[in-house]
N, C-alpha and C. Protein backbone atom coordinates (compact mmCIF):
# COMPACT_ATOMS: atom_id res chain seq x y z
N MET A 1 70.39 112.74 112.71
CA MET A 1 70.02 112.17 114.01
C MET A 1 70.99 111.73 114.43
N ALA A 2 71.29 111.82 115.88
CA ALA A 2 72.60 111.12 116.49
C ALA A 2 72.08 109.61 116.68
N GLY A 3 73.01 108.70 116.66
CA GLY A 3 72.90 107.38 117.03
C GLY A 3 72.53 107.44 118.54
N LYS A 4 71.83 106.20 119.20
CA LYS A 4 71.71 106.32 120.46
C LYS A 4 73.10 105.54 121.18
N ALA A 5 72.98 105.67 122.46
CA ALA A 5 74.25 105.34 122.93
C ALA A 5 74.41 103.80 123.14
N SER A 6 73.15 102.65 122.77
CA SER A 6 73.40 101.44 122.96
C SER A 6 73.66 101.01 121.46
N ALA A 7 73.77 101.96 120.65
CA ALA A 7 73.49 101.52 119.16
C ALA A 7 74.82 100.73 118.91
N THR A 8 75.45 99.84 117.88
CA THR A 8 76.69 99.49 117.63
C THR A 8 77.34 100.62 116.69
N PRO A 9 78.70 100.42 116.82
CA PRO A 9 79.30 101.39 116.25
C PRO A 9 79.24 101.14 114.55
N ALA A 10 79.32 102.24 113.74
CA ALA A 10 78.98 102.05 112.22
C ALA A 10 80.35 101.50 111.69
N THR A 11 81.39 101.24 112.11
CA THR A 11 82.56 100.65 111.59
C THR A 11 82.93 99.40 112.28
N TYR A 12 83.57 98.47 111.36
CA TYR A 12 84.00 97.13 111.97
C TYR A 12 85.53 97.07 111.89
N SER A 13 85.75 96.34 113.27
CA SER A 13 87.19 96.34 113.08
C SER A 13 87.30 94.64 113.91
N PRO A 14 88.21 93.83 113.21
CA PRO A 14 88.23 92.61 113.84
C PRO A 14 88.64 92.58 115.12
N SER A 15 88.43 91.45 115.86
CA SER A 15 89.26 91.14 117.07
C SER A 15 90.67 90.60 116.86
N PRO A 16 91.62 91.20 117.61
CA PRO A 16 92.82 90.56 117.20
C PRO A 16 93.14 89.10 117.76
N ALA A 17 92.31 88.46 118.66
CA ALA A 17 92.14 87.06 118.79
C ALA A 17 91.54 86.41 117.82
N THR A 18 90.76 86.71 117.02
CA THR A 18 90.32 85.95 115.76
C THR A 18 90.82 86.30 114.45
N ARG A 19 91.99 87.06 114.21
CA ARG A 19 92.71 87.31 113.28
C ARG A 19 93.76 86.28 112.97
N LYS A 20 93.54 85.81 111.83
CA LYS A 20 94.43 84.72 111.28
C LYS A 20 95.46 85.44 110.60
N GLY A 21 97.08 84.83 110.72
CA GLY A 21 97.98 85.20 110.04
C GLY A 21 98.17 84.71 108.87
N LYS A 22 98.63 85.43 107.74
CA LYS A 22 98.96 84.98 106.42
C LYS A 22 100.16 83.87 106.51
N PRO A 23 100.16 83.05 105.68
CA PRO A 23 101.40 82.06 105.65
C PRO A 23 102.37 82.52 104.98
N THR A 24 103.65 82.46 105.52
CA THR A 24 104.80 83.01 104.86
C THR A 24 104.97 82.34 103.38
N ILE A 25 105.37 83.11 102.52
CA ILE A 25 105.88 82.43 101.11
C ILE A 25 106.94 81.93 101.06
N TYR A 26 107.96 82.46 101.76
CA TYR A 26 109.17 82.11 102.12
C TYR A 26 109.96 81.68 103.09
N LYS A 27 110.91 80.99 103.32
CA LYS A 27 111.76 80.49 104.50
C LYS A 27 112.33 81.61 104.98
N ASP A 28 113.05 81.31 106.35
CA ASP A 28 114.12 82.23 106.87
C ASP A 28 115.25 82.55 106.02
N GLY A 29 115.84 81.13 105.50
CA GLY A 29 116.99 81.10 104.66
C GLY A 29 117.03 81.68 103.21
N ASP A 30 115.83 82.21 103.04
CA ASP A 30 115.44 82.61 101.51
C ASP A 30 116.13 84.09 101.83
N ARG A 31 115.85 84.98 102.67
CA ARG A 31 116.25 86.11 102.76
C ARG A 31 117.57 86.44 102.66
N ASP A 32 118.72 85.52 102.62
CA ASP A 32 119.98 85.84 102.37
C ASP A 32 120.47 85.81 100.97
N TRP A 33 119.57 85.29 99.98
CA TRP A 33 120.05 84.97 98.56
C TRP A 33 119.91 86.37 97.92
N VAL A 34 120.68 86.34 96.60
CA VAL A 34 120.88 87.76 96.05
C VAL A 34 120.66 87.48 94.52
N ARG A 35 119.38 88.28 94.02
CA ARG A 35 118.93 88.18 92.56
C ARG A 35 120.21 88.29 91.55
N PRO A 36 119.68 87.95 90.42
CA PRO A 36 120.81 87.98 89.43
C PRO A 36 121.30 89.29 88.85
N ASP A 37 120.59 90.49 89.30
CA ASP A 37 120.89 91.58 89.03
C ASP A 37 121.69 92.49 90.37
N GLY A 38 121.75 91.77 91.35
CA GLY A 38 122.46 92.28 92.37
C GLY A 38 121.58 92.68 93.41
N ARG A 39 120.45 92.68 93.56
CA ARG A 39 119.30 92.97 94.73
C ARG A 39 119.31 92.01 95.66
N GLY A 40 119.14 92.36 96.90
CA GLY A 40 118.82 91.43 97.82
C GLY A 40 117.40 91.02 97.58
N PHE A 41 117.04 90.10 98.59
CA PHE A 41 115.76 89.39 98.71
C PHE A 41 114.57 90.43 98.82
N GLN A 42 114.57 91.23 99.78
CA GLN A 42 113.49 92.12 99.85
C GLN A 42 113.84 94.06 99.06
N GLN A 43 114.81 94.00 98.41
CA GLN A 43 115.04 95.21 97.63
C GLN A 43 113.98 95.48 96.37
N CYS A 44 113.60 96.59 96.30
CA CYS A 44 113.03 96.82 94.95
C CYS A 44 113.57 97.15 93.88
N ARG A 45 113.44 97.14 92.64
CA ARG A 45 114.02 97.63 91.67
C ARG A 45 114.30 99.19 91.63
N PRO A 46 115.36 99.82 91.02
CA PRO A 46 115.36 101.09 91.07
C PRO A 46 114.13 101.85 90.19
N ALA A 47 113.64 102.85 90.57
CA ALA A 47 112.69 103.43 90.07
C ALA A 47 112.79 105.09 89.71
N PHE A 48 112.29 105.36 88.63
CA PHE A 48 112.23 107.30 88.74
C PHE A 48 111.00 107.52 87.92
N PHE A 49 110.29 108.55 88.21
CA PHE A 49 109.09 109.15 87.84
C PHE A 49 109.22 110.37 87.61
N ARG A 50 108.70 111.15 86.49
CA ARG A 50 108.35 112.53 86.10
C ARG A 50 107.34 112.73 85.48
N THR A 51 106.55 113.70 85.93
CA THR A 51 105.25 114.55 85.31
C THR A 51 105.69 115.46 84.26
N GLY A 52 104.75 115.79 83.41
CA GLY A 52 104.90 116.51 82.23
C GLY A 52 106.06 116.32 81.40
N ALA A 53 106.13 115.03 80.66
CA ALA A 53 107.06 114.91 79.94
C ALA A 53 106.93 115.01 78.46
N VAL A 54 105.33 115.24 78.08
CA VAL A 54 105.29 115.75 76.75
C VAL A 54 104.60 117.10 76.75
N ASN A 55 104.87 118.06 76.05
CA ASN A 55 104.44 119.49 76.21
C ASN A 55 103.42 119.47 75.40
N ALA A 56 102.99 118.69 74.46
CA ALA A 56 101.97 118.73 73.59
C ALA A 56 100.68 118.25 74.33
N ALA A 57 100.76 117.40 75.20
CA ALA A 57 99.54 116.88 75.90
C ALA A 57 99.13 117.65 77.08
N SER A 58 97.95 117.50 77.55
CA SER A 58 97.50 118.24 78.69
C SER A 58 97.87 117.75 79.80
N GLY A 59 98.33 116.30 80.05
CA GLY A 59 98.75 115.49 81.04
C GLY A 59 99.81 114.40 80.41
N SER A 60 100.97 114.25 81.22
CA SER A 60 101.78 113.21 80.89
C SER A 60 102.65 112.87 81.78
N ALA A 61 103.17 111.67 81.72
CA ALA A 61 104.04 111.01 82.63
C ALA A 61 105.25 110.16 82.04
N TYR A 62 106.47 109.92 82.67
CA TYR A 62 107.55 109.41 82.29
C TYR A 62 107.86 108.61 83.63
N ALA A 63 108.20 107.10 83.15
CA ALA A 63 108.35 106.36 84.59
C ALA A 63 109.47 105.38 83.91
N GLU A 64 110.54 104.99 84.85
CA GLU A 64 111.45 104.21 84.56
C GLU A 64 111.37 103.15 85.97
N ILE A 65 111.49 101.79 85.57
CA ILE A 65 111.23 100.90 86.81
C ILE A 65 112.14 99.78 86.26
N GLY A 66 113.68 99.46 86.60
CA GLY A 66 114.53 98.76 86.15
C GLY A 66 114.73 98.88 85.08
N ASN A 67 114.84 97.88 83.90
CA ASN A 67 114.97 98.32 82.53
C ASN A 67 113.77 98.81 81.63
N THR A 68 112.64 98.99 82.22
CA THR A 68 111.49 99.31 81.79
C THR A 68 111.21 100.77 81.55
N GLN A 69 110.99 101.36 80.65
CA GLN A 69 110.72 102.79 80.44
C GLN A 69 109.33 103.04 79.63
N VAL A 70 108.70 103.71 80.52
CA VAL A 70 107.20 104.15 79.85
C VAL A 70 106.91 105.55 79.77
N ILE A 71 106.35 106.01 78.76
CA ILE A 71 105.72 107.44 78.64
C ILE A 71 104.25 107.51 78.42
N VAL A 72 103.58 108.19 79.03
CA VAL A 72 102.09 108.12 79.14
C VAL A 72 101.73 109.31 79.00
N SER A 73 100.54 109.67 77.85
CA SER A 73 100.20 111.07 77.55
C SER A 73 98.97 111.05 77.17
C-alpha cells in the first residue's frame, strides 16, 4: 500500500543547521611533520593485496601493509 501524501518520509536525514562538527584531533602545524619511516602526516602505509594465495584452500588471500605480512586461508 502506498503511503499517504501527508506521511513523513521513511528515511531520516539531519538538518545541516543542527549538525555538530567533530573537533579536530590535530593542529594546522601538525600537517607538516614527517613520520620516522618517511611518510607525511596524512599518507598511508604502502599496501598490497592478492587473492588465491593458497592453492589447496577453497578461498585465500595475502596482504602486505607496511612491514606486516598476512596469509589467510
